[in-house]
PDB file of N, CA and C in Angstrom:
ATOM      1  N   UNK A   1       0.835  -1.130   0.121  1.00  0.00           N
ATOM      2  CA  UNK A   1      -0.041  -0.008   0.044  1.00  0.00           C
ATOM      3  C   UNK A   1       0.941   1.256  -0.024  1.00  0.00           C
ATOM      4  N   UNK A   2       0.473   2.325  -0.654  1.00  0.00           N
ATOM      5  CA  UNK A   2       1.234   3.497  -0.760  1.00  0.00           C
ATOM      6  C   UNK A   2       1.294   4.155   0.616  1.00  0.00           C
ATOM      7  N   UNK A   3       2.378   4.835   0.854  1.00  0.00           N
ATOM      8  CA  UNK A   3       2.631   5.431   2.157  1.00  0.00           C
ATOM      9  C   UNK A   3       1.627   6.589   2.289  1.00  0.00           C
ATOM     10  N   UNK A   4       0.936   6.579   3.515  1.00  0.00           N
ATOM     11  CA  UNK A   4      -0.020   7.703   3.868  1.00  0.00           C
ATOM     12  C   UNK A   4       0.752   9.034   3.915  1.00  0.00           C
ATOM     13  N   UNK A   5       2.007   9.003   4.269  1.00  0.00           N
ATOM     14  CA  UNK A   5       2.815  10.277   4.271  1.00  0.00           C
ATOM     15  C   UNK A   5       2.782  10.919   2.932  1.00  0.00           C
ATOM     16  N   UNK A   6       3.009  10.116   1.880  1.00  0.00           N
ATOM     17  CA  UNK A   6       3.110  10.664   0.533  1.00  0.00           C
ATOM     18  C   UNK A   6       1.784  11.179   0.119  1.00  0.00           C
ATOM     19  N   UNK A   7       0.679  10.533   0.517  1.00  0.00           N
ATOM     20  CA  UNK A   7      -0.689  10.929   0.161  1.00  0.00           C
ATOM     21  C   UNK A   7      -1.090  12.303   0.755  1.00  0.00           C
ATOM     22  N   UNK A   8      -0.679  12.492   2.061  1.00  0.00           N
ATOM     23  CA  UNK A   8      -1.085  13.692   2.680  1.00  0.00           C
ATOM     24  C   UNK A   8      -0.139  14.918   2.499  1.00  0.00           C
ATOM     25  N   UNK A   9       1.035  14.661   1.726  1.00  0.00           N
ATOM     26  CA  UNK A   9       1.940  15.681   1.508  1.00  0.00           C
ATOM     27  C   UNK A   9       1.434  16.715   0.522  1.00  0.00           C
ATOM     28  N   UNK A  10       0.408  16.378  -0.136  1.00  0.00           N
ATOM     29  CA  UNK A  10      -0.040  17.384  -1.221  1.00  0.00           C
ATOM     30  C   UNK A  10      -0.340  18.813  -0.575  1.00  0.00           C
ATOM     31  N   UNK A  11       0.256  19.756  -1.209  1.00  0.00           N
ATOM     32  CA  UNK A  11       0.094  21.128  -0.702  1.00  0.00           C
ATOM     33  C   UNK A  11       1.184  21.688   0.282  1.00  0.00           C
ATOM     34  N   UNK A  12       2.007  20.665   0.765  1.00  0.00           N
ATOM     35  CA  UNK A  12       3.060  20.967   1.617  1.00  0.00           C
ATOM     36  C   UNK A  12       4.413  21.237   0.814  1.00  0.00           C
ATOM     37  N   UNK A  13       5.205  22.103   1.433  1.00  0.00           N
ATOM     38  CA  UNK A  13       6.477  22.418   0.796  1.00  0.00           C
ATOM     39  C   UNK A  13       7.600  22.146   1.880  1.00  0.00           C
ATOM     40  N   UNK A  14       8.500  21.255   1.548  1.00  0.00           N
ATOM     41  CA  UNK A  14       9.585  20.830   2.572  1.00  0.00           C
ATOM     42  C   UNK A  14      10.921  21.190   1.912  1.00  0.00           C
ATOM     43  N   UNK A  15      11.863  21.515   2.706  1.00  0.00           N
ATOM     44  CA  UNK A  15      13.204  21.715   2.260  1.00  0.00           C
ATOM     45  C   UNK A  15      13.962  20.473   1.617  1.00  0.00           C
ATOM     46  N   UNK A  16      13.658  19.346   2.202  1.00  0.00           N
ATOM     47  CA  UNK A  16      14.287  18.077   1.836  1.00  0.00           C
ATOM     48  C   UNK A  16      13.125  17.056   1.758  1.00  0.00           C
ATOM     49  N   UNK A  17      13.224  16.258   0.697  1.00  0.00           N
ATOM     50  CA  UNK A  17      12.293  15.092   0.578  1.00  0.00           C
ATOM     51  C   UNK A  17      13.181  13.918   0.126  1.00  0.00           C
ATOM     52  N   UNK A  18      12.988  12.763   0.810  1.00  0.00           N
ATOM     53  CA  UNK A  18      13.659  11.505   0.521  1.00  0.00           C
ATOM     54  C   UNK A  18      12.586  10.492   0.131  1.00  0.00           C
ATOM     55  N   UNK A  19      12.795   9.981  -1.089  1.00  0.00           N
ATOM     56  CA  UNK A  19      11.835   8.805  -1.516  1.00  0.00           C
ATOM     57  C   UNK A  19      12.679   7.618  -1.727  1.00  0.00           C
ATOM     58  N   UNK A  20      12.668   6.738  -0.715  1.00  0.00           N
ATOM     59  CA  UNK A  20      13.550   5.600  -0.748  1.00  0.00           C
ATOM     60  C   UNK A  20      12.843   4.340  -1.320  1.00  0.00           C
ATOM     61  N   UNK A  21      13.560   3.473  -2.138  1.00  0.00           N
ATOM     62  CA  UNK A  21      13.014   2.278  -2.608  1.00  0.00           C
ATOM     63  C   UNK A  21      12.023   2.489  -3.754  1.00  0.00           C
ATOM     64  N   UNK A  22      12.135   3.578  -4.544  1.00  0.00           N
ATOM     65  CA  UNK A  22      11.207   3.874  -5.556  1.00  0.00           C
ATOM     66  C   UNK A  22      11.077   2.754  -6.599  1.00  0.00           C
ATOM     67  N   UNK A  23      12.072   1.989  -6.809  1.00  0.00           N
ATOM     68  CA  UNK A  23      12.108   1.014  -7.806  1.00  0.00           C
ATOM     69  C   UNK A  23      11.212  -0.074  -7.456  1.00  0.00           C
ATOM     70  N   UNK A  24      10.717  -0.232  -6.252  1.00  0.00           N
ATOM     71  CA  UNK A  24       9.892  -1.238  -5.843  1.00  0.00           C
ATOM     72  C   UNK A  24       8.311  -0.743  -6.053  1.00  0.00           C
ATOM     73  N   UNK A  25       8.141   0.431  -6.593  1.00  0.00           N
ATOM     74  CA  UNK A  25       6.691   0.857  -6.825  1.00  0.00           C
ATOM     75  C   UNK A  25       6.289   0.309  -8.137  1.00  0.00           C
ATOM     76  N   UNK A  26       5.068   0.034  -8.379  1.00  0.00           N
ATOM     77  CA  UNK A  26       3.998  -0.062  -7.423  1.00  0.00           C
ATOM     78  C   UNK A  26       4.072  -1.382  -6.573  1.00  0.00           C
ATOM     79  N   UNK A  27       3.549  -1.380  -5.467  1.00  0.00           N
ATOM     80  CA  UNK A  27       3.657  -2.558  -4.649  1.00  0.00           C
ATOM     81  C   UNK A  27       2.562  -3.608  -5.248  1.00  0.00           C
ATOM     82  N   UNK A  28       2.818  -4.787  -5.040  1.00  0.00           N
ATOM     83  CA  UNK A  28       1.962  -5.876  -5.544  1.00  0.00           C
ATOM     84  C   UNK A  28       0.529  -5.578  -5.281  1.00  0.00           C
ATOM     85  N   UNK A  29      -0.321  -5.536  -6.331  1.00  0.00           N
ATOM     86  CA  UNK A  29      -1.687  -5.301  -6.271  1.00  0.00           C
ATOM     87  C   UNK A  29      -2.112  -3.738  -6.317  1.00  0.00           C
ATOM     88  N   UNK A  30      -1.137  -2.879  -6.392  1.00  0.00           N
ATOM     89  CA  UNK A  30      -1.397  -1.460  -6.566  1.00  0.00           C
ATOM     90  C   UNK A  30      -1.451  -1.021  -8.000  1.00  0.00           C
ATOM     91  N   UNK A  31      -2.172   0.013  -8.375  1.00  0.00           N
ATOM     92  CA  UNK A  31      -2.236   0.472  -9.681  1.00  0.00           C
ATOM     93  C   UNK A  31      -1.019   1.257  -9.982  1.00  0.00           C
ATOM     94  N   UNK A  32      -0.447   1.076 -11.176  1.00  0.00           N
ATOM     95  CA  UNK A  32       0.827   1.708 -11.519  1.00  0.00           C
ATOM     96  C   UNK A  32       0.665   3.193 -11.793  1.00  0.00           C
ATOM     97  N   UNK A  33      -0.460   3.603 -12.369  1.00  0.00           N
ATOM     98  CA  UNK A  33      -0.734   4.990 -12.555  1.00  0.00           C
ATOM     99  C   UNK A  33      -0.915   5.814 -11.200  1.00  0.00           C
ATOM    100  N   UNK A  34      -1.632   5.184 -10.232  1.00  0.00           N
ATOM    101  CA  UNK A  34      -1.812   5.789  -8.984  1.00  0.00           C
ATOM    102  C   UNK A  34      -0.428   5.996  -8.279  1.00  0.00           C
ATOM    103  N   UNK A  35       0.468   4.852  -8.313  1.00  0.00           N
ATOM    104  CA  UNK A  35       1.746   4.900  -7.748  1.00  0.00           C
ATOM    105  C   UNK A  35       2.599   6.085  -8.398  1.00  0.00           C
ATOM    106  N   UNK A  36       2.463   6.304  -9.699  1.00  0.00           N
ATOM    107  CA  UNK A  36       3.204   7.275 -10.333  1.00  0.00           C
ATOM    108  C   UNK A  36       2.686   8.705  -9.922  1.00  0.00           C
ATOM    109  N   UNK A  37       1.446   8.757  -9.735  1.00  0.00           N
ATOM    110  CA  UNK A  37       0.738  10.153  -9.374  1.00  0.00           C
ATOM    111  C   UNK A  37       1.278  10.455  -7.917  1.00  0.00           C
ATOM    112  N   UNK A  38       1.226   9.425  -6.993  1.00  0.00           N
ATOM    113  CA  UNK A  38       1.533   9.720  -5.663  1.00  0.00           C
ATOM    114  C   UNK A  38       3.084  10.000  -5.535  1.00  0.00           C
ATOM    115  N   UNK A  39       3.882   9.319  -6.412  1.00  0.00           N
ATOM    116  CA  UNK A  39       5.415   9.673  -6.406  1.00  0.00           C
ATOM    117  C   UNK A  39       5.562  11.123  -6.851  1.00  0.00           C
ATOM    118  N   UNK A  40       4.867  11.543  -7.918  1.00  0.00           N
ATOM    119  CA  UNK A  40       5.016  12.926  -8.439  1.00  0.00           C
ATOM    120  C   UNK A  40       4.618  13.995  -7.473  1.00  0.00           C
ATOM    121  N   UNK A  41       3.459  13.729  -6.703  1.00  0.00           N
ATOM    122  CA  UNK A  41       3.019  14.546  -5.659  1.00  0.00           C
ATOM    123  C   UNK A  41       4.146  14.715  -4.609  1.00  0.00           C
ATOM    124  N   UNK A  42       4.623  13.582  -4.098  1.00  0.00           N
ATOM    125  CA  UNK A  42       5.679  13.632  -3.092  1.00  0.00           C
ATOM    126  C   UNK A  42       6.971  14.217  -3.507  1.00  0.00           C
ATOM    127  N   UNK A  43       7.398  14.021  -4.786  1.00  0.00           N
ATOM    128  CA  UNK A  43       8.566  14.503  -5.278  1.00  0.00           C
ATOM    129  C   UNK A  43       8.542  16.063  -5.498  1.00  0.00           C
ATOM    130  N   UNK A  44       7.396  16.633  -5.798  1.00  0.00           N
ATOM    131  CA  UNK A  44       7.255  18.103  -5.970  1.00  0.00           C
ATOM    132  C   UNK A  44       7.123  18.838  -4.762  1.00  0.00           C
ATOM    133  N   UNK A  45       7.170  18.117  -3.577  1.00  0.00           N
ATOM    134  CA  UNK A  45       7.043  18.807  -2.329  1.00  0.00           C
ATOM    135  C   UNK A  45       8.534  19.471  -1.915  1.00  0.00           C
ATOM    136  N   UNK A  46       9.581  18.840  -2.579  1.00  0.00           N
ATOM    137  CA  UNK A  46      10.946  19.311  -2.215  1.00  0.00           C
ATOM    138  C   UNK A  46      11.252  20.710  -2.815  1.00  0.00           C
ATOM    139  N   UNK A  47      11.698  21.563  -1.893  1.00  0.00           N
ATOM    140  CA  UNK A  47      11.947  22.900  -2.281  1.00  0.00           C
ATOM    141  C   UNK A  47      13.585  23.085  -2.484  1.00  0.00           C
ATOM    142  N   UNK A  48      14.341  22.314  -1.880  1.00  0.00           N
ATOM    143  CA  UNK A  48      15.824  22.468  -2.010  1.00  0.00           C
ATOM    144  C   UNK A  48      16.417  21.115  -2.526  1.00  0.00           C
ATOM    145  N   UNK A  49      16.092  20.057  -1.857  1.00  0.00           N
ATOM    146  CA  UNK A  49      16.702  18.791  -2.192  1.00  0.00           C
ATOM    147  C   UNK A  49      15.759  17.722  -2.343  1.00  0.00           C
ATOM    148  N   UNK A  50      15.962  16.870  -3.359  1.00  0.00           N
ATOM    149  CA  UNK A  50      15.147  15.680  -3.484  1.00  0.00           C
ATOM    150  C   UNK A  50      16.025  14.537  -3.696  1.00  0.00           C
ATOM    151  N   UNK A  51      15.903  13.545  -2.782  1.00  0.00           N
ATOM    152  CA  UNK A  51      16.822  12.309  -2.824  1.00  0.00           C
ATOM    153  C   UNK A  51      15.843  11.069  -3.238  1.00  0.00           C
ATOM    154  N   UNK A  52      16.251  10.450  -4.365  1.00  0.00           N
ATOM    155  CA  UNK A  52      15.553   9.250  -4.698  1.00  0.00           C
ATOM    156  C   UNK A  52      16.557   8.057  -4.792  1.00  0.00           C
ATOM    157  N   UNK A  53      16.110   6.988  -4.157  1.00  0.00           N
ATOM    158  CA  UNK A  53      16.777   5.729  -4.312  1.00  0.00           C
ATOM    159  C   UNK A  53      15.976   4.741  -5.081  1.00  0.00           C
ATOM    160  N   UNK A  54      16.593   3.978  -5.905  1.00  0.00           N
ATOM    161  CA  UNK A  54      15.941   2.979  -6.724  1.00  0.00           C
ATOM    162  C   UNK A  54      16.816   1.851  -7.057  1.00  0.00           C
ATOM    163  N   UNK A  55      16.193   0.782  -7.575  1.00  0.00           N
ATOM    164  CA  UNK A  55      16.873  -0.345  -8.111  1.00  0.00           C
ATOM    165  C   UNK A  55      16.575  -0.221  -9.654  1.00  0.00           C
ATOM    166  N   UNK A  56      17.480  -0.029 -10.451  1.00  0.00           N
ATOM    167  CA  UNK A  56      17.206   0.085 -11.833  1.00  0.00           C
ATOM    168  C   UNK A  56      16.873  -1.138 -12.586  1.00  0.00           C
ATOM    169  N   UNK A  57      16.937  -2.307 -11.982  1.00  0.00           N
ATOM    170  CA  UNK A  57      16.402  -3.524 -12.518  1.00  0.00           C
ATOM    171  C   UNK A  57      14.960  -3.691 -12.571  1.00  0.00           C
ATOM    172  N   UNK A  58      14.356  -2.886 -11.676  1.00  0.00           N
ATOM    173  CA  UNK A  58      12.850  -3.024 -11.543  1.00  0.00           C
ATOM    174  C   UNK A  58      12.194  -2.004 -12.457  1.00  0.00           C
ATOM    175  N   UNK A  59      10.979  -2.205 -12.919  1.00  0.00           N
ATOM    176  CA  UNK A  59      10.249  -1.521 -13.950  1.00  0.00           C
ATOM    177  C   UNK A  59      10.155   0.019 -13.667  1.00  0.00           C
ATOM    178  N   UNK A  60       9.703   0.333 -12.479  1.00  0.00           N
ATOM    179  CA  UNK A  60       9.509   1.756 -12.131  1.00  0.00           C
ATOM    180  C   UNK A  60      10.839   2.487 -12.085  1.00  0.00           C
ATOM    181  N   UNK A  61      11.873   1.813 -11.642  1.00  0.00           N
ATOM    182  CA  UNK A  61      13.144   2.424 -11.516  1.00  0.00           C
ATOM    183  C   UNK A  61      13.724   2.674 -12.942  1.00  0.00           C
ATOM    184  N   UNK A  62      13.524   1.800 -13.869  1.00  0.00           N
ATOM    185  CA  UNK A  62      13.961   1.802 -15.311  1.00  0.00           C
ATOM    186  C   UNK A  62      13.291   3.098 -15.913  1.00  0.00           C
ATOM    187  N   UNK A  63      12.081   3.251 -15.679  1.00  0.00           N
ATOM    188  CA  UNK A  63      11.182   4.345 -16.144  1.00  0.00           C
ATOM    189  C   UNK A  63      11.775   5.738 -15.742  1.00  0.00           C
ATOM    190  N   UNK A  64      12.256   5.771 -14.541  1.00  0.00           N
ATOM    191  CA  UNK A  64      12.777   7.027 -14.023  1.00  0.00           C
ATOM    192  C   UNK A  64      14.237   7.359 -14.532  1.00  0.00           C
ATOM    193  N   UNK A  65      14.801   6.373 -15.114  1.00  0.00           N
ATOM    194  CA  UNK A  65      16.154   6.616 -15.592  1.00  0.00           C
ATOM    195  C   UNK A  65      16.330   7.647 -16.605  1.00  0.00           C
TER     196      UNK A  65
END
């Protein structure tokens, strides 16, 4: 299930945002488009630094490359 923290971040601005394990998105049983939307909402909250960790062998990580 998608992190509730990412879902409630809409409208917030933070100096630093870290999104760890993005390559594992979407989780089994989750919709890929919803996972991508939640990722973009969380990523756009960063005002100074955005840190993303991923595994490039997994589908979502490859698409971010």
